[in-house]
């Protein structure tokens, strides 16, 4: 089981590196979308907590 997780982790790392090397602009766009999603989620949690306190 642990060996399977390690192999899957290596496959994901190789895929990410391949994507970054072959198309850095697309990889940058994907990272930007990810950070925008995280930012939106954090903003939503902040608004929820603010309303909860009020």
N, C-alpha and C. Protein backbone atom coordinates (compact mmCIF):
# COMPACT_ATOMS: atom_id res chain seq x y z
N UNK A 1 0.83 -1.20 0.00
CA UNK A 1 0.00 0.00 0.00
C UNK A 1 0.87 1.26 0.00
N UNK A 2 1.87 1.30 0.87
CA UNK A 2 2.74 2.47 0.93
C UNK A 2 3.55 2.62 -0.35
N UNK A 3 3.93 1.50 -0.93
CA UNK A 3 4.70 1.56 -2.16
C UNK A 3 3.83 2.08 -3.32
N UNK A 4 2.56 1.73 -3.32
CA UNK A 4 1.64 2.22 -4.34
C UNK A 4 1.49 3.73 -4.24
N UNK A 5 1.37 4.25 -3.02
CA UNK A 5 1.25 5.69 -2.82
C UNK A 5 2.51 6.40 -3.31
N UNK A 6 3.65 5.81 -3.04
CA UNK A 6 4.91 6.41 -3.47
C UNK A 6 5.01 6.45 -4.99
N UNK A 7 4.59 5.39 -5.65
CA UNK A 7 4.62 5.34 -7.11
C UNK A 7 3.65 6.37 -7.69
N UNK A 8 2.45 6.46 -7.13
CA UNK A 8 1.49 7.46 -7.60
C UNK A 8 2.01 8.88 -7.40
N UNK A 9 2.67 9.13 -6.28
CA UNK A 9 3.25 10.44 -6.02
C UNK A 9 4.31 10.77 -7.08
N UNK A 10 5.17 9.81 -7.40
CA UNK A 10 6.19 10.03 -8.44
C UNK A 10 5.55 10.31 -9.79
N UNK A 11 4.48 9.61 -10.11
CA UNK A 11 3.79 9.83 -11.38
C UNK A 11 3.21 11.24 -11.43
N UNK A 12 2.61 11.69 -10.34
CA UNK A 12 2.04 13.04 -10.30
C UNK A 12 3.14 14.09 -10.43
N UNK A 13 4.26 13.89 -9.75
CA UNK A 13 5.36 14.84 -9.82
C UNK A 13 5.91 14.91 -11.25
N UNK A 14 6.10 13.76 -11.87
CA UNK A 14 6.60 13.73 -13.25
C UNK A 14 5.61 14.43 -14.18
N UNK A 15 4.32 14.20 -14.01
CA UNK A 15 3.32 14.85 -14.85
C UNK A 15 3.35 16.36 -14.68
N UNK A 16 3.45 16.83 -13.43
CA UNK A 16 3.50 18.27 -13.17
C UNK A 16 4.74 18.88 -13.80
N UNK A 17 5.89 18.25 -13.63
CA UNK A 17 7.11 18.76 -14.23
C UNK A 17 7.02 18.76 -15.76
N UNK A 18 6.47 17.71 -16.33
CA UNK A 18 6.30 17.63 -17.78
C UNK A 18 5.41 18.77 -18.28
N UNK A 19 4.31 19.02 -17.57
CA UNK A 19 3.40 20.09 -17.95
C UNK A 19 4.08 21.45 -17.88
N UNK A 20 4.86 21.68 -16.82
CA UNK A 20 5.54 22.96 -16.65
C UNK A 20 6.59 23.15 -17.75
N UNK A 21 7.31 22.10 -18.08
CA UNK A 21 8.38 22.21 -19.07
C UNK A 21 7.82 22.39 -20.47
N UNK A 22 6.77 21.64 -20.81
CA UNK A 22 6.27 21.67 -22.19
C UNK A 22 5.40 22.89 -22.47
N UNK A 23 4.66 23.37 -21.48
CA UNK A 23 3.82 24.56 -21.72
C UNK A 23 3.74 25.40 -20.45
N UNK A 24 4.77 26.21 -20.22
CA UNK A 24 4.81 27.01 -18.99
C UNK A 24 3.67 28.03 -18.90
N UNK A 25 3.21 28.56 -20.03
CA UNK A 25 2.11 29.54 -19.98
C UNK A 25 0.83 28.88 -19.48
N UNK A 26 0.54 27.68 -19.98
CA UNK A 26 -0.66 26.96 -19.54
C UNK A 26 -0.54 26.58 -18.06
N UNK A 27 0.65 26.17 -17.65
CA UNK A 27 0.86 25.81 -16.25
C UNK A 27 0.65 27.04 -15.35
N UNK A 28 1.13 28.19 -15.80
CA UNK A 28 0.93 29.42 -15.02
C UNK A 28 -0.54 29.77 -14.92
N UNK A 29 -1.27 29.58 -16.01
CA UNK A 29 -2.71 29.84 -15.98
C UNK A 29 -3.42 28.92 -14.99
N UNK A 30 -3.03 27.65 -14.97
CA UNK A 30 -3.65 26.70 -14.04
C UNK A 30 -3.35 27.07 -12.59
N UNK A 31 -2.12 27.50 -12.33
CA UNK A 31 -1.76 27.91 -10.96
C UNK A 31 -2.57 29.15 -10.57
N UNK A 32 -2.72 30.09 -11.50
CA UNK A 32 -3.49 31.30 -11.22
C UNK A 32 -4.93 30.95 -10.90
N UNK A 33 -5.53 30.05 -11.67
CA UNK A 33 -6.91 29.63 -11.42
C UNK A 33 -7.01 28.98 -10.04
N UNK A 34 -6.03 28.16 -9.70
CA UNK A 34 -6.04 27.51 -8.38
C UNK A 34 -5.98 28.51 -7.25
N UNK A 35 -5.09 29.50 -7.38
CA UNK A 35 -4.98 30.51 -6.32
C UNK A 35 -6.22 31.40 -6.26
N UNK A 36 -6.83 31.68 -7.39
CA UNK A 36 -8.08 32.45 -7.37
C UNK A 36 -9.18 31.67 -6.67
N UNK A 37 -9.22 30.36 -6.88
CA UNK A 37 -10.21 29.53 -6.20
C UNK A 37 -10.00 29.51 -4.70
N UNK A 38 -8.74 29.39 -4.29
CA UNK A 38 -8.42 29.40 -2.86
C UNK A 38 -8.78 30.75 -2.25
N UNK A 39 -8.48 31.82 -2.97
CA UNK A 39 -8.79 33.16 -2.49
C UNK A 39 -10.29 33.36 -2.35
N UNK A 40 -11.06 32.88 -3.32
CA UNK A 40 -12.52 32.99 -3.25
C UNK A 40 -13.07 32.21 -2.06
N UNK A 41 -12.54 31.03 -1.85
CA UNK A 41 -13.00 30.21 -0.73
C UNK A 41 -12.69 30.90 0.59
N UNK A 42 -11.50 31.45 0.72
CA UNK A 42 -11.12 32.14 1.96
C UNK A 42 -11.99 33.37 2.18
N UNK A 43 -12.29 34.09 1.10
CA UNK A 43 -13.15 35.26 1.21
C UNK A 43 -14.56 34.86 1.64
N UNK A 44 -15.06 33.76 1.09
CA UNK A 44 -16.38 33.28 1.47
C UNK A 44 -16.44 32.88 2.94
N UNK A 45 -15.40 32.21 3.42
CA UNK A 45 -15.35 31.83 4.83
C UNK A 45 -15.30 33.07 5.70
N UNK A 46 -14.52 34.06 5.28
CA UNK A 46 -14.43 35.31 6.04
C UNK A 46 -15.76 36.03 6.12
N UNK A 47 -16.48 36.09 5.00
CA UNK A 47 -17.80 36.73 5.00
C UNK A 47 -18.78 35.96 5.88
N UNK A 48 -18.71 34.64 5.84
CA UNK A 48 -19.58 33.81 6.67
C UNK A 48 -19.32 34.07 8.15
N UNK A 49 -18.06 34.11 8.53
CA UNK A 49 -17.70 34.34 9.94
C UNK A 49 -18.12 35.73 10.37
N UNK A 50 -17.98 36.73 9.48
CA UNK A 50 -18.39 38.08 9.81
C UNK A 50 -19.90 38.14 10.07
N UNK A 51 -20.66 37.50 9.20
CA UNK A 51 -22.11 37.48 9.38
C UNK A 51 -22.50 36.69 10.62
N UNK A 52 -21.75 35.66 10.93
CA UNK A 52 -22.03 34.85 12.11
C UNK A 52 -21.83 35.68 13.38
N UNK A 53 -20.79 36.50 13.40
CA UNK A 53 -20.49 37.32 14.56
C UNK A 53 -21.54 38.43 14.69
N UNK A 54 -21.98 38.99 13.59
CA UNK A 54 -22.97 40.08 13.64
C UNK A 54 -24.29 39.47 13.98
